[in-house]
């Protein structure tokens, strides 16, 4: 999926330490969500549909990606 990210307002988690090694997120048009690496801001970004983003965040909250 291709999205225009030129006007995206990127933000980091409030739990971020404020450094440059973070994941940044932007809420885009039509409910899409952009994700990028803060160390490479002009680089590529992933773009998720609302359903994909909801499934991902539900998995994070549910521990699906824990390293146990």
PDB file of N, CA and C in Angstrom:
ATOM      1  N   UNK A   1       0.847  -1.170   0.000  1.00  0.00           N
ATOM      2  CA  UNK A   1       0.000   0.000   0.000  1.00  0.00           C
ATOM      3  C   UNK A   1       0.898   1.239   0.000  1.00  0.00           C
ATOM      4  N   UNK A   2       0.522   2.210  -0.760  1.00  0.00           N
ATOM      5  CA  UNK A   2       1.255   3.466  -0.833  1.00  0.00           C
ATOM      6  C   UNK A   2       0.401   4.565  -0.214  1.00  0.00           C
ATOM      7  N   UNK A   3       1.026   5.403   0.572  1.00  0.00           N
ATOM      8  CA  UNK A   3       0.310   6.507   1.213  1.00  0.00           C
ATOM      9  C   UNK A   3       1.179   7.757   1.157  1.00  0.00           C
ATOM     10  N   UNK A   4       0.536   8.893   1.098  1.00  0.00           N
ATOM     11  CA  UNK A   4       1.248  10.169   1.125  1.00  0.00           C
ATOM     12  C   UNK A   4       1.586  10.481   2.583  1.00  0.00           C
ATOM     13  N   UNK A   5       2.874  10.479   2.901  1.00  0.00           N
ATOM     14  CA  UNK A   5       3.326  10.715   4.271  1.00  0.00           C
ATOM     15  C   UNK A   5       3.897  12.115   4.465  1.00  0.00           C
ATOM     16  N   UNK A   6       3.794  12.960   3.433  1.00  0.00           N
ATOM     17  CA  UNK A   6       4.429  14.276   3.477  1.00  0.00           C
ATOM     18  C   UNK A   6       3.868  15.178   4.583  1.00  0.00           C
ATOM     19  N   UNK A   7       2.619  15.019   4.951  1.00  0.00           N
ATOM     20  CA  UNK A   7       2.035  15.848   6.010  1.00  0.00           C
ATOM     21  C   UNK A   7       1.777  15.074   7.295  1.00  0.00           C
ATOM     22  N   UNK A   8       2.343  13.880   7.390  1.00  0.00           N
ATOM     23  CA  UNK A   8       2.124  13.052   8.580  1.00  0.00           C
ATOM     24  C   UNK A   8       2.720  13.719   9.818  1.00  0.00           C
ATOM     25  N   UNK A   9       2.027  13.603  10.917  1.00  0.00           N
ATOM     26  CA  UNK A   9       2.513  14.120  12.208  1.00  0.00           C
ATOM     27  C   UNK A   9       2.937  12.917  13.040  1.00  0.00           C
ATOM     28  N   UNK A  10       4.228  12.662  13.051  1.00  0.00           N
ATOM     29  CA  UNK A  10       4.792  11.489  13.710  1.00  0.00           C
ATOM     30  C   UNK A  10       4.926  11.723  15.203  1.00  0.00           C
ATOM     31  N   UNK A  11       4.716  10.678  15.986  1.00  0.00           N
ATOM     32  CA  UNK A  11       4.910  10.779  17.431  1.00  0.00           C
ATOM     33  C   UNK A  11       5.486   9.487  17.978  1.00  0.00           C
ATOM     34  N   UNK A  12       6.119   9.604  19.141  1.00  0.00           N
ATOM     35  CA  UNK A  12       6.689   8.458  19.844  1.00  0.00           C
ATOM     36  C   UNK A  12       5.819   8.149  21.048  1.00  0.00           C
ATOM     37  N   UNK A  13       5.948   6.958  21.545  1.00  0.00           N
ATOM     38  CA  UNK A  13       5.211   6.554  22.729  1.00  0.00           C
ATOM     39  C   UNK A  13       5.579   7.426  23.918  1.00  0.00           C
ATOM     40  N   UNK A  14       4.628   7.662  24.787  1.00  0.00           N
ATOM     41  CA  UNK A  14       4.918   8.409  26.016  1.00  0.00           C
ATOM     42  C   UNK A  14       5.852   7.598  26.919  1.00  0.00           C
ATOM     43  N   UNK A  15       6.007   6.324  26.645  1.00  0.00           N
ATOM     44  CA  UNK A  15       6.920   5.469  27.419  1.00  0.00           C
ATOM     45  C   UNK A  15       8.319   5.453  26.832  1.00  0.00           C
ATOM     46  N   UNK A  16       8.510   6.176  25.755  1.00  0.00           N
ATOM     47  CA  UNK A  16       9.814   6.266  25.117  1.00  0.00           C
ATOM     48  C   UNK A  16      10.760   7.062  26.006  1.00  0.00           C
ATOM     49  N   UNK A  17      12.032   6.699  25.958  1.00  0.00           N
ATOM     50  CA  UNK A  17      13.019   7.419  26.770  1.00  0.00           C
ATOM     51  C   UNK A  17      13.399   8.752  26.147  1.00  0.00           C
ATOM     52  N   UNK A  18      12.864   9.058  24.977  1.00  0.00           N
ATOM     53  CA  UNK A  18      13.158  10.331  24.329  1.00  0.00           C
ATOM     54  C   UNK A  18      14.371  10.293  23.422  1.00  0.00           C
ATOM     55  N   UNK A  19      15.020   9.132  23.317  1.00  0.00           N
ATOM     56  CA  UNK A  19      16.176   9.007  22.441  1.00  0.00           C
ATOM     57  C   UNK A  19      15.751   8.866  20.995  1.00  0.00           C
ATOM     58  N   UNK A  20      16.711   8.565  20.146  1.00  0.00           N
ATOM     59  CA  UNK A  20      16.418   8.430  18.718  1.00  0.00           C
ATOM     60  C   UNK A  20      16.256   6.986  18.282  1.00  0.00           C
ATOM     61  N   UNK A  21      16.160   6.068  19.197  1.00  0.00           N
ATOM     62  CA  UNK A  21      16.018   4.662  18.845  1.00  0.00           C
ATOM     63  C   UNK A  21      14.617   4.202  19.195  1.00  0.00           C
ATOM     64  N   UNK A  22      13.646   4.751  18.515  1.00  0.00           N
ATOM     65  CA  UNK A  22      12.244   4.491  18.812  1.00  0.00           C
ATOM     66  C   UNK A  22      11.475   4.189  17.538  1.00  0.00           C
ATOM     67  N   UNK A  23      10.300   3.686  17.731  1.00  0.00           N
ATOM     68  CA  UNK A  23       9.347   3.528  16.649  1.00  0.00           C
ATOM     69  C   UNK A  23       8.423   4.738  16.718  1.00  0.00           C
ATOM     70  N   UNK A  24       8.160   5.353  15.575  1.00  0.00           N
ATOM     71  CA  UNK A  24       7.241   6.481  15.513  1.00  0.00           C
ATOM     72  C   UNK A  24       5.990   6.068  14.743  1.00  0.00           C
ATOM     73  N   UNK A  25       4.870   6.638  15.145  1.00  0.00           N
ATOM     74  CA  UNK A  25       3.576   6.307  14.559  1.00  0.00           C
ATOM     75  C   UNK A  25       2.918   7.598  14.081  1.00  0.00           C
ATOM     76  N   UNK A  26       2.141   7.512  13.007  1.00  0.00           N
ATOM     77  CA  UNK A  26       1.359   8.653  12.513  1.00  0.00           C
ATOM     78  C   UNK A  26      -0.019   8.148  12.107  1.00  0.00           C
ATOM     79  N   UNK A  27      -1.049   8.860  12.522  1.00  0.00           N
ATOM     80  CA  UNK A  27      -2.410   8.544  12.091  1.00  0.00           C
ATOM     81  C   UNK A  27      -2.641   9.261  10.765  1.00  0.00           C
ATOM     82  N   UNK A  28      -2.993   8.489   9.750  1.00  0.00           N
ATOM     83  CA  UNK A  28      -3.114   8.998   8.388  1.00  0.00           C
ATOM     84  C   UNK A  28      -4.582   9.063   7.962  1.00  0.00           C
ATOM     85  N   UNK A  29      -4.803   9.501   6.733  1.00  0.00           N
ATOM     86  CA  UNK A  29      -6.151   9.566   6.173  1.00  0.00           C
ATOM     87  C   UNK A  29      -6.804   8.185   6.160  1.00  0.00           C
ATOM     88  N   UNK A  30      -8.120   8.182   6.215  1.00  0.00           N
ATOM     89  CA  UNK A  30      -8.920   6.960   6.129  1.00  0.00           C
ATOM     90  C   UNK A  30      -8.620   5.959   7.236  1.00  0.00           C
ATOM     91  N   UNK A  31      -8.073   6.430   8.364  1.00  0.00           N
ATOM     92  CA  UNK A  31      -7.798   5.553   9.493  1.00  0.00           C
ATOM     93  C   UNK A  31      -6.519   4.756   9.387  1.00  0.00           C
ATOM     94  N   UNK A  32      -5.783   4.913   8.303  1.00  0.00           N
ATOM     95  CA  UNK A  32      -4.531   4.184   8.153  1.00  0.00           C
ATOM     96  C   UNK A  32      -3.518   4.673   9.189  1.00  0.00           C
ATOM     97  N   UNK A  33      -2.538   3.817   9.471  1.00  0.00           N
ATOM     98  CA  UNK A  33      -1.515   4.144  10.465  1.00  0.00           C
ATOM     99  C   UNK A  33      -0.147   3.889   9.847  1.00  0.00           C
ATOM    100  N   UNK A  34       0.738   4.879   9.950  1.00  0.00           N
ATOM    101  CA  UNK A  34       2.105   4.744   9.472  1.00  0.00           C
ATOM    102  C   UNK A  34       3.034   4.450  10.636  1.00  0.00           C
ATOM    103  N   UNK A  35       4.053   3.630  10.380  1.00  0.00           N
ATOM    104  CA  UNK A  35       5.048   3.277  11.403  1.00  0.00           C
ATOM    105  C   UNK A  35       6.422   3.397  10.763  1.00  0.00           C
ATOM    106  N   UNK A  36       7.349   4.058  11.468  1.00  0.00           N
ATOM    107  CA  UNK A  36       8.703   4.192  10.938  1.00  0.00           C
ATOM    108  C   UNK A  36       9.728   4.126  12.066  1.00  0.00           C
ATOM    109  N   UNK A  37      10.972   3.960  11.687  1.00  0.00           N
ATOM    110  CA  UNK A  37      12.105   3.924  12.612  1.00  0.00           C
ATOM    111  C   UNK A  37      12.605   5.352  12.789  1.00  0.00           C
ATOM    112  N   UNK A  38      12.652   5.837  14.016  1.00  0.00           N
ATOM    113  CA  UNK A  38      13.062   7.224  14.247  1.00  0.00           C
ATOM    114  C   UNK A  38      14.519   7.481  13.858  1.00  0.00           C
ATOM    115  N   UNK A  39      15.341   6.435  13.802  1.00  0.00           N
ATOM    116  CA  UNK A  39      16.742   6.613  13.406  1.00  0.00           C
ATOM    117  C   UNK A  39      16.870   6.901  11.917  1.00  0.00           C
ATOM    118  N   UNK A  40      15.813   6.589  11.150  1.00  0.00           N
ATOM    119  CA  UNK A  40      15.851   6.777   9.705  1.00  0.00           C
ATOM    120  C   UNK A  40      14.535   7.429   9.260  1.00  0.00           C
ATOM    121  N   UNK A  41      14.269   8.607   9.780  1.00  0.00           N
ATOM    122  CA  UNK A  41      12.991   9.285   9.520  1.00  0.00           C
ATOM    123  C   UNK A  41      12.675   9.469   8.034  1.00  0.00           C
ATOM    124  N   UNK A  42      13.646   9.797   7.175  1.00  0.00           N
ATOM    125  CA  UNK A  42      13.294   9.944   5.760  1.00  0.00           C
ATOM    126  C   UNK A  42      13.181   8.601   5.032  1.00  0.00           C
ATOM    127  N   UNK A  43      13.518   7.530   5.726  1.00  0.00           N
ATOM    128  CA  UNK A  43      13.488   6.204   5.107  1.00  0.00           C
ATOM    129  C   UNK A  43      12.075   5.663   4.956  1.00  0.00           C
ATOM    130  N   UNK A  44      11.963   4.375   4.683  1.00  0.00           N
ATOM    131  CA  UNK A  44      10.652   3.772   4.427  1.00  0.00           C
ATOM    132  C   UNK A  44       9.795   3.714   5.683  1.00  0.00           C
ATOM    133  N   UNK A  45       8.508   3.613   5.463  1.00  0.00           N
ATOM    134  CA  UNK A  45       7.548   3.459   6.553  1.00  0.00           C
ATOM    135  C   UNK A  45       6.578   2.349   6.176  1.00  0.00           C
ATOM    136  N   UNK A  46       6.091   1.655   7.169  1.00  0.00           N
ATOM    137  CA  UNK A  46       5.029   0.673   6.968  1.00  0.00           C
ATOM    138  C   UNK A  46       3.702   1.398   7.108  1.00  0.00           C
ATOM    139  N   UNK A  47       2.720   1.016   6.317  1.00  0.00           N
ATOM    140  CA  UNK A  47       1.390   1.615   6.412  1.00  0.00           C
ATOM    141  C   UNK A  47       0.386   0.483   6.601  1.00  0.00           C
ATOM    142  N   UNK A  48      -0.423   0.597   7.659  1.00  0.00           N
ATOM    143  CA  UNK A  48      -1.402  -0.420   8.015  1.00  0.00           C
ATOM    144  C   UNK A  48      -2.817   0.107   7.821  1.00  0.00           C
ATOM    145  N   UNK A  49      -3.714  -0.774   7.422  1.00  0.00           N
ATOM    146  CA  UNK A  49      -5.136  -0.429   7.390  1.00  0.00           C
ATOM    147  C   UNK A  49      -5.633  -0.380   8.828  1.00  0.00           C
ATOM    148  N   UNK A  50      -6.798   0.203   9.066  1.00  0.00           N
ATOM    149  CA  UNK A  50      -7.329   0.226  10.436  1.00  0.00           C
ATOM    150  C   UNK A  50      -7.468  -1.184  11.028  1.00  0.00           C
ATOM    151  N   UNK A  51      -7.942  -2.143  10.251  1.00  0.00           N
ATOM    152  CA  UNK A  51      -8.103  -3.509  10.753  1.00  0.00           C
ATOM    153  C   UNK A  51      -6.782  -4.167  11.088  1.00  0.00           C
ATOM    154  N   UNK A  52      -5.775  -3.947  10.241  1.00  0.00           N
ATOM    155  CA  UNK A  52      -4.443  -4.502  10.518  1.00  0.00           C
ATOM    156  C   UNK A  52      -3.860  -3.906  11.787  1.00  0.00           C
ATOM    157  N   UNK A  53      -4.010  -2.590  11.953  1.00  0.00           N
ATOM    158  CA  UNK A  53      -3.472  -1.924  13.135  1.00  0.00           C
ATOM    159  C   UNK A  53      -4.188  -2.412  14.396  1.00  0.00           C
ATOM    160  N   UNK A  54      -5.508  -2.554  14.330  1.00  0.00           N
ATOM    161  CA  UNK A  54      -6.268  -3.044  15.481  1.00  0.00           C
ATOM    162  C   UNK A  54      -5.834  -4.459  15.865  1.00  0.00           C
ATOM    163  N   UNK A  55      -5.621  -5.320  14.874  1.00  0.00           N
ATOM    164  CA  UNK A  55      -5.178  -6.690  15.148  1.00  0.00           C
ATOM    165  C   UNK A  55      -3.786  -6.691  15.779  1.00  0.00           C
ATOM    166  N   UNK A  56      -2.892  -5.842  15.272  1.00  0.00           N
ATOM    167  CA  UNK A  56      -1.546  -5.760  15.830  1.00  0.00           C
ATOM    168  C   UNK A  56      -1.572  -5.276  17.275  1.00  0.00           C
ATOM    169  N   UNK A  57      -2.262  -4.173  17.535  1.00  0.00           N
ATOM    170  CA  UNK A  57      -2.270  -3.638  18.898  1.00  0.00           C
ATOM    171  C   UNK A  57      -2.970  -4.588  19.869  1.00  0.00           C
ATOM    172  N   UNK A  58      -3.991  -5.315  19.406  1.00  0.00           N
ATOM    173  CA  UNK A  58      -4.639  -6.317  20.263  1.00  0.00           C
ATOM    174  C   UNK A  58      -3.650  -7.434  20.597  1.00  0.00           C
ATOM    175  N   UNK A  59      -2.846  -7.833  19.625  1.00  0.00           N
ATOM    176  CA  UNK A  59      -1.827  -8.851  19.868  1.00  0.00           C
ATOM    177  C   UNK A  59      -0.774  -8.384  20.858  1.00  0.00           C
ATOM    178  N   UNK A  60      -0.373  -7.121  20.762  1.00  0.00           N
ATOM    179  CA  UNK A  60       0.602  -6.573  21.719  1.00  0.00           C
ATOM    180  C   UNK A  60       0.013  -6.587  23.126  1.00  0.00           C
ATOM    181  N   UNK A  61      -1.214  -6.082  23.254  1.00  0.00           N
ATOM    182  CA  UNK A  61      -1.863  -6.058  24.569  1.00  0.00           C
ATOM    183  C   UNK A  61      -2.068  -7.463  25.125  1.00  0.00           C
ATOM    184  N   UNK A  62      -2.323  -8.431  24.251  1.00  0.00           N
ATOM    185  CA  UNK A  62      -2.573  -9.796  24.678  1.00  0.00           C
ATOM    186  C   UNK A  62      -1.325 -10.633  24.911  1.00  0.00           C
ATOM    187  N   UNK A  63      -0.145 -10.054  24.705  1.00  0.00           N
ATOM    188  CA  UNK A  63       1.108 -10.773  24.952  1.00  0.00           C
ATOM    189  C   UNK A  63       1.540 -11.679  23.811  1.00  0.00           C
ATOM    190  N   UNK A  64       0.920 -11.551  22.656  1.00  0.00           N
ATOM    191  CA  UNK A  64       1.223 -12.419  21.528  1.00  0.00           C
ATOM    192  C   UNK A  64       2.681 -12.337  21.091  1.00  0.00           C
ATOM    193  N   UNK A  65       3.340 -11.215  21.324  1.00  0.00           N
ATOM    194  CA  UNK A  65       4.693 -11.014  20.852  1.00  0.00           C
ATOM    195  C   UNK A  65       5.728 -11.047  21.980  1.00  0.00           C
ATOM    196  N   UNK A  66       5.312 -11.454  23.184  1.00  0.00           N
ATOM    197  CA  UNK A  66       6.244 -11.541  24.307  1.00  0.00           C
ATOM    198  C   UNK A  66       7.305 -12.590  24.031  1.00  0.00           C
ATOM    199  N   UNK A  67       8.484 -12.370  24.532  1.00  0.00           N
ATOM    200  CA  UNK A  67       9.610 -13.284  24.321  1.00  0.00           C
ATOM    201  C   UNK A  67       9.739 -14.313  25.424  1.00  0.00           C
ATOM    202  N   UNK A  68       8.737 -14.933  25.842  1.00  0.00           N
ATOM    203  CA  UNK A  68       8.854 -15.883  26.956  1.00  0.00           C
ATOM    204  C   UNK A  68       9.140 -17.285  26.510  1.00  0.00           C
TER     205      UNK A  68
END
